[in-house]
Amino acid sequence: MHKLCALRRRIMSCRPILIVVDAPRNLQITPRQSSYQAGDRIQCSAEGNPEPTYQWTDLVSGTVIQEAVLVISYDMVNKSHSIQCTASNQYNSISSTLQFTVEGISISIIFTTTVKVM
């Protein structure tokens, strides 16, 4: 039980207070898609008190990113991924896994040759 105490006119008075603590819950990954492109941003969010911290873990490579937002990088292009978002605070953690591919960039190069006949 926590108490809030105050000293007024040399008299100490205390009263019980309620402190609400919550383990992370209602984890959401947005946008949740099966395919992304380089530069896309994926947000992991959850409710909790104290505010959760976030971690993305690539379940294949083991790479860990300590952020709420995962930015799809160019080195992820043309690959399939299984990445887990974890929201944690001192009371517990909650996770969700996202499986997706990252689409490549199509570039067409057309070469033309001009032959001049004399």
C-alpha atoms as a PDB file:
ATOM      1  CA  MET A   1       0.000   0.000   0.000  1.00  0.00           C
ATOM      2  CA  HIS A   2       1.350   3.415  -0.979  1.00  0.00           C
ATOM      3  CA  LYS A   3       0.683   6.511   1.065  1.00  0.00           C
ATOM      4  CA  LEU A   4       0.784  10.195   0.267  1.00  0.00           C
ATOM      5  CA  CYS A   5       2.007  12.209   3.217  1.00  0.00           C
ATOM      6  CA  ALA A   6       2.070  15.945   3.799  1.00  0.00           C
ATOM      7  CA  LEU A   7       3.492  18.085   6.555  1.00  0.00           C
ATOM      8  CA  ARG A   8       1.255  21.013   7.434  1.00  0.00           C
ATOM      9  CA  ARG A   9       1.778  23.225  10.446  1.00  0.00           C
ATOM     10  CA  ARG A  10       4.141  20.657  11.928  1.00  0.00           C
ATOM     11  CA  ILE A  11       1.547  17.898  11.712  1.00  0.00           C
ATOM     12  CA  MET A  12       2.190  14.960   9.431  1.00  0.00           C
ATOM     13  CA  SER A  13      -0.880  13.494   7.782  1.00  0.00           C
ATOM     14  CA  CYS A  14      -0.925  10.515   5.433  1.00  0.00           C
ATOM     15  CA  ARG A  15      -3.613   8.968   3.305  1.00  0.00           C
ATOM     16  CA  PRO A  16      -3.575   5.837   1.163  1.00  0.00           C
ATOM     17  CA  ILE A  17      -3.356   6.310  -2.593  1.00  0.00           C
ATOM     18  CA  LEU A  18      -4.068   3.929  -5.429  1.00  0.00           C
ATOM     19  CA  ILE A  19      -1.370   3.568  -8.075  1.00  0.00           C
ATOM     20  CA  VAL A  20      -2.599   1.862 -11.219  1.00  0.00           C
ATOM     21  CA  VAL A  21      -0.047  -0.282 -13.010  1.00  0.00           C
ATOM     22  CA  ASP A  22      -0.725  -2.256 -16.147  1.00  0.00           C
ATOM     23  CA  ALA A  23       1.257  -4.819 -18.027  1.00  0.00           C
ATOM     24  CA  PRO A  24       1.338  -4.116 -21.790  1.00  0.00           C
ATOM     25  CA  ARG A  25      -1.873  -5.092 -23.594  1.00  0.00           C
ATOM     26  CA  ASN A  26      -3.719  -4.489 -26.892  1.00  0.00           C
ATOM     27  CA  LEU A  27      -0.573  -4.734 -29.010  1.00  0.00           C
ATOM     28  CA  GLN A  28      -1.102  -3.497 -32.558  1.00  0.00           C
ATOM     29  CA  ILE A  29       1.099  -3.536 -35.643  1.00  0.00           C
ATOM     30  CA  THR A  30       0.048  -0.969 -38.242  1.00  0.00           C
ATOM     31  CA  PRO A  31      -0.209  -1.143 -41.116  1.00  0.00           C
ATOM     32  CA  ARG A  32      -0.384  -4.949 -41.015  1.00  0.00           C
ATOM     33  CA  GLN A  33       0.221  -6.171 -44.571  1.00  0.00           C
ATOM     34  CA  SER A  34       1.734  -9.159 -46.338  1.00  0.00           C
ATOM     35  CA  SER A  35       3.939  -6.986 -48.537  1.00  0.00           C
ATOM     36  CA  TYR A  36       5.870  -3.731 -48.066  1.00  0.00           C
ATOM     37  CA  GLN A  37       8.289  -1.584 -50.036  1.00  0.00           C
ATOM     38  CA  ALA A  38      11.602  -0.057 -48.999  1.00  0.00           C
ATOM     39  CA  GLY A  39      10.939   3.125 -47.034  1.00  0.00           C
ATOM     40  CA  ASP A  40       7.626   1.918 -45.556  1.00  0.00           C
ATOM     41  CA  ARG A  41       7.194   2.371 -41.807  1.00  0.00           C
ATOM     42  CA  ILE A  42       5.558  -0.192 -39.511  1.00  0.00           C
ATOM     43  CA  GLN A  43       4.355   0.992 -36.092  1.00  0.00           C
ATOM     44  CA  CYS A  44       4.171  -1.218 -33.007  1.00  0.00           C
ATOM     45  CA  SER A  45       2.006   0.116 -30.179  1.00  0.00           C
ATOM     46  CA  ALA A  46       0.424  -1.100 -26.945  1.00  0.00           C
ATOM     47  CA  GLU A  47      -1.250   0.215 -23.829  1.00  0.00           C
ATOM     48  CA  GLY A  48       0.391  -0.029 -20.429  1.00  0.00           C
ATOM     49  CA  ASN A  49       1.435   1.868 -17.323  1.00  0.00           C
ATOM     50  CA  PRO A  50       4.275   2.604 -17.208  1.00  0.00           C
ATOM     51  CA  GLU A  51       4.485   3.195 -20.967  1.00  0.00           C
ATOM     52  CA  PRO A  52       5.926   0.133 -22.730  1.00  0.00           C
ATOM     53  CA  THR A  53       9.231   0.083 -24.573  1.00  0.00           C
ATOM     54  CA  TYR A  54       9.385  -1.639 -27.966  1.00  0.00           C
ATOM     55  CA  GLN A  55      11.688  -4.075 -29.687  1.00  0.00           C
ATOM     56  CA  TRP A  56      11.587  -5.583 -33.187  1.00  0.00           C
ATOM     57  CA  THR A  57      13.373  -8.926 -33.592  1.00  0.00           C
ATOM     58  CA  ASP A  58      14.093 -10.569 -36.948  1.00  0.00           C
ATOM     59  CA  LEU A  59      13.342 -14.207 -36.145  1.00  0.00           C
ATOM     60  CA  VAL A  60      15.694 -15.473 -38.898  1.00  0.00           C
ATOM     61  CA  SER A  61      18.800 -13.323 -38.438  1.00  0.00           C
ATOM     62  CA  GLY A  62      18.308 -12.405 -34.768  1.00  0.00           C
ATOM     63  CA  THR A  63      18.733  -8.695 -35.535  1.00  0.00           C
ATOM     64  CA  VAL A  64      17.146  -6.518 -32.826  1.00  0.00           C
ATOM     65  CA  ILE A  65      15.929  -2.926 -33.207  1.00  0.00           C
ATOM     66  CA  GLN A  66      14.975  -1.012 -30.044  1.00  0.00           C
ATOM     67  CA  GLU A  67      12.294   1.264 -31.540  1.00  0.00           C
ATOM     68  CA  ALA A  68       8.506   1.429 -31.845  1.00  0.00           C
ATOM     69  CA  VAL A  69       8.783   2.066 -35.592  1.00  0.00           C
ATOM     70  CA  LEU A  70      10.428  -0.344 -38.021  1.00  0.00           C
ATOM     71  CA  VAL A  71      11.564   1.275 -41.268  1.00  0.00           C
ATOM     72  CA  ILE A  72      11.798  -1.153 -44.189  1.00  0.00           C
ATOM     73  CA  SER A  73      15.311  -0.825 -45.600  1.00  0.00           C
ATOM     74  CA  TYR A  74      16.631  -1.529 -49.106  1.00  0.00           C
ATOM     75  CA  ASP A  75      18.630  -4.533 -47.894  1.00  0.00           C
ATOM     76  CA  MET A  76      15.285  -6.214 -47.050  1.00  0.00           C
ATOM     77  CA  VAL A  77      14.090  -6.072 -50.695  1.00  0.00           C
ATOM     78  CA  ASN A  78      13.153  -9.307 -52.513  1.00  0.00           C
ATOM     79  CA  LYS A  79      13.173 -11.325 -49.294  1.00  0.00           C
ATOM     80  CA  SER A  80      10.603 -12.887 -46.975  1.00  0.00           C
ATOM     81  CA  HIS A  81      10.698 -11.839 -43.342  1.00  0.00           C
ATOM     82  CA  SER A  82       9.343 -13.039 -40.017  1.00  0.00           C
ATOM     83  CA  ILE A  83       9.684 -10.214 -37.503  1.00  0.00           C
ATOM     84  CA  GLN A  84       8.366 -10.044 -33.950  1.00  0.00           C
ATOM     85  CA  CYS A  85       7.359  -6.870 -32.118  1.00  0.00           C
ATOM     86  CA  THR A  86       7.575  -6.980 -28.327  1.00  0.00           C
ATOM     87  CA  ALA A  87       6.123  -4.350 -25.989  1.00  0.00           C
ATOM     88  CA  SER A  88       7.542  -4.512 -22.455  1.00  0.00           C
ATOM     89  CA  ASN A  89       7.397  -2.756 -19.137  1.00  0.00           C
ATOM     90  CA  GLN A  90       8.526  -3.835 -15.675  1.00  0.00           C
ATOM     91  CA  TYR A  91       5.372  -5.921 -15.181  1.00  0.00           C
ATOM     92  CA  ASN A  92       5.285  -8.083 -18.313  1.00  0.00           C
ATOM     93  CA  SER A  93       5.683  -8.194 -22.077  1.00  0.00           C
ATOM     94  CA  ILE A  94       3.490  -9.033 -25.056  1.00  0.00           C
ATOM     95  CA  SER A  95       4.559  -9.987 -28.591  1.00  0.00           C
ATOM     96  CA  SER A  96       3.123 -10.349 -32.058  1.00  0.00           C
ATOM     97  CA  THR A  97       4.793 -11.773 -35.168  1.00  0.00           C
ATOM     98  CA  LEU A  98       4.464 -10.339 -38.663  1.00  0.00           C
ATOM     99  CA  GLN A  99       5.373 -12.331 -41.771  1.00  0.00           C
ATOM    100  CA  PHE A 100       5.847 -10.343 -44.961  1.00  0.00           C
ATOM    101  CA  THR A 101       7.841  -9.839 -48.138  1.00  0.00           C
ATOM    102  CA  VAL A 102       9.491  -6.679 -49.367  1.00  0.00           C
ATOM    103  CA  GLU A 103       8.851  -5.912 -53.006  1.00  0.00           C
ATOM    104  CA  GLY A 104      11.758  -4.954 -55.206  1.00  0.00           C
ATOM    105  CA  ILE A 105      12.064  -1.956 -57.421  1.00  0.00           C
ATOM    106  CA  SER A 106      11.565  -2.614 -61.117  1.00  0.00           C
ATOM    107  CA  ILE A 107      13.893  -0.653 -63.329  1.00  0.00           C
ATOM    108  CA  SER A 108      13.709  -0.935 -67.082  1.00  0.00           C
ATOM    109  CA  ILE A 109      16.661   0.197 -69.119  1.00  0.00           C
ATOM    110  CA  ILE A 110      16.236   0.447 -72.852  1.00  0.00           C
ATOM    111  CA  PHE A 111      19.300   0.797 -75.016  1.00  0.00           C
ATOM    112  CA  THR A 112      18.931   2.168 -78.503  1.00  0.00           C
ATOM    113  CA  THR A 113      21.549   2.135 -81.140  1.00  0.00           C
ATOM    114  CA  THR A 114      21.524   4.547 -84.033  1.00  0.00           C
ATOM    115  CA  VAL A 115      23.359   3.438 -87.137  1.00  0.00           C
ATOM    116  CA  LYS A 116      24.093   6.060 -89.713  1.00  0.00           C
ATOM    117  CA  VAL A 117      24.374   4.622 -93.213  1.00  0.00           C
ATOM    118  CA  MET A 118      26.291   6.672 -95.784  1.00  0.00           C
END
